Amino acid sequence: MNEAVQNPKLKERKVAIKIMQSSALVNNKKLCSDLDNELRVHWALRDCDGILSLRELYEDDLFVYLVLDLSLIHISEPTRPRL
């Protein structure tokens, strides 16, 4: 059973996970700089409405994981023209 269902204080949330290979970052200064800039932008804008929020950051031996909150994104279905 879903933990959010068992504990009413927890809310279920949708996230996107951006995954980057750690080995690609090790020898590439541009990629490291790009990641650093992306993290700075996410943290600087974390309280802005409508901005994809960085919620968590993880790293293991193979990958770096950015967990982004999808709850602020409105994904609409294509609209059909009225006849």
Protein backbone atom coordinates (compact mmCIF):
# COMPACT_ATOMS: atom_id res chain seq x y z
CA MET A 1 0.00 0.00 0.00
CA ASN A 2 1.14 3.53 -0.79
CA GLU A 3 2.74 5.25 2.23
CA ALA A 4 0.76 8.45 1.56
CA VAL A 5 -2.47 6.46 1.89
CA GLN A 6 -1.33 4.86 5.16
CA ASN A 7 -0.25 8.18 6.67
CA PRO A 8 -2.72 10.99 5.88
CA LYS A 9 -0.10 13.62 6.83
CA LEU A 10 2.05 12.62 3.86
CA LYS A 11 1.05 13.88 0.43
CA GLU A 12 1.81 12.03 -2.73
CA ARG A 13 3.78 14.10 -5.22
CA LYS A 14 4.87 13.67 -8.79
CA VAL A 15 8.51 14.20 -9.63
CA ALA A 16 10.81 14.15 -12.62
CA ILE A 17 14.28 12.70 -12.16
CA LYS A 18 17.14 14.01 -14.24
CA ILE A 19 19.99 11.49 -14.34
CA MET A 20 23.55 12.29 -15.40
CA GLN A 21 26.51 9.95 -15.57
CA SER A 22 29.15 10.83 -13.00
CA SER A 23 31.91 9.66 -15.34
CA ALA A 24 30.81 12.24 -17.94
CA LEU A 25 31.18 15.00 -15.36
CA VAL A 26 34.61 13.94 -14.10
CA ASN A 27 36.61 14.91 -17.17
CA ASN A 28 34.38 17.61 -18.62
CA LYS A 29 34.72 21.07 -17.09
CA LYS A 30 31.89 22.46 -19.25
CA LEU A 31 29.40 19.83 -18.04
CA CYS A 32 30.46 20.44 -14.43
CA SER A 33 30.01 24.17 -14.91
CA ASP A 34 26.61 23.65 -16.57
CA LEU A 35 25.45 21.44 -13.68
CA ASP A 36 26.71 23.96 -11.14
CA ASN A 37 24.83 26.76 -12.92
CA GLU A 38 21.65 24.67 -13.14
CA LEU A 39 21.77 23.92 -9.41
CA ARG A 40 22.34 27.59 -8.57
CA VAL A 41 19.36 28.64 -10.70
CA HIS A 42 17.10 26.01 -9.15
CA TRP A 43 18.07 26.99 -5.60
CA ALA A 44 17.75 30.71 -6.35
CA LEU A 45 14.24 30.26 -7.79
CA ARG A 46 13.00 27.60 -5.37
CA ASP A 47 10.29 29.84 -3.90
CA CYS A 48 8.94 31.15 -7.21
CA ASP A 49 5.53 29.95 -8.36
CA GLY A 50 5.41 28.07 -11.63
CA ILE A 51 9.11 27.18 -11.62
CA LEU A 52 10.20 23.55 -11.75
CA SER A 53 11.61 23.11 -8.24
CA LEU A 54 14.68 21.10 -7.35
CA ARG A 55 13.63 19.02 -4.35
CA GLU A 56 16.53 16.66 -3.79
CA LEU A 57 19.97 15.83 -5.14
CA TYR A 58 21.59 12.41 -4.90
CA GLU A 59 24.87 11.00 -6.10
CA ASP A 60 26.25 7.49 -6.23
CA ASP A 61 29.31 5.97 -7.91
CA LEU A 62 27.66 5.98 -11.34
CA PHE A 63 25.12 8.79 -11.51
CA VAL A 64 23.98 12.17 -10.22
CA TYR A 65 20.19 12.42 -9.71
CA LEU A 66 18.22 15.67 -9.60
CA VAL A 67 14.70 15.19 -8.25
CA LEU A 68 12.43 17.90 -9.66
CA ASP A 69 8.92 18.61 -8.41
CA LEU A 70 6.30 18.26 -11.13
CA SER A 71 3.39 19.56 -9.07
CA LEU A 72 3.88 23.11 -10.34
CA ILE A 73 3.78 22.17 -14.01
CA HIS A 74 0.47 22.32 -15.77
CA ILE A 75 0.41 19.84 -18.62
CA SER A 76 -2.64 20.37 -20.74
CA GLU A 77 -4.06 18.21 -23.45
CA PRO A 78 -4.12 19.59 -26.99
CA THR A 79 -7.22 21.64 -27.64
CA ARG A 80 -9.45 21.04 -30.62
CA PRO A 81 -10.71 23.95 -32.64
CA ARG A 82 -14.38 24.73 -32.16
CA LEU A 83 -16.54 24.16 -35.21
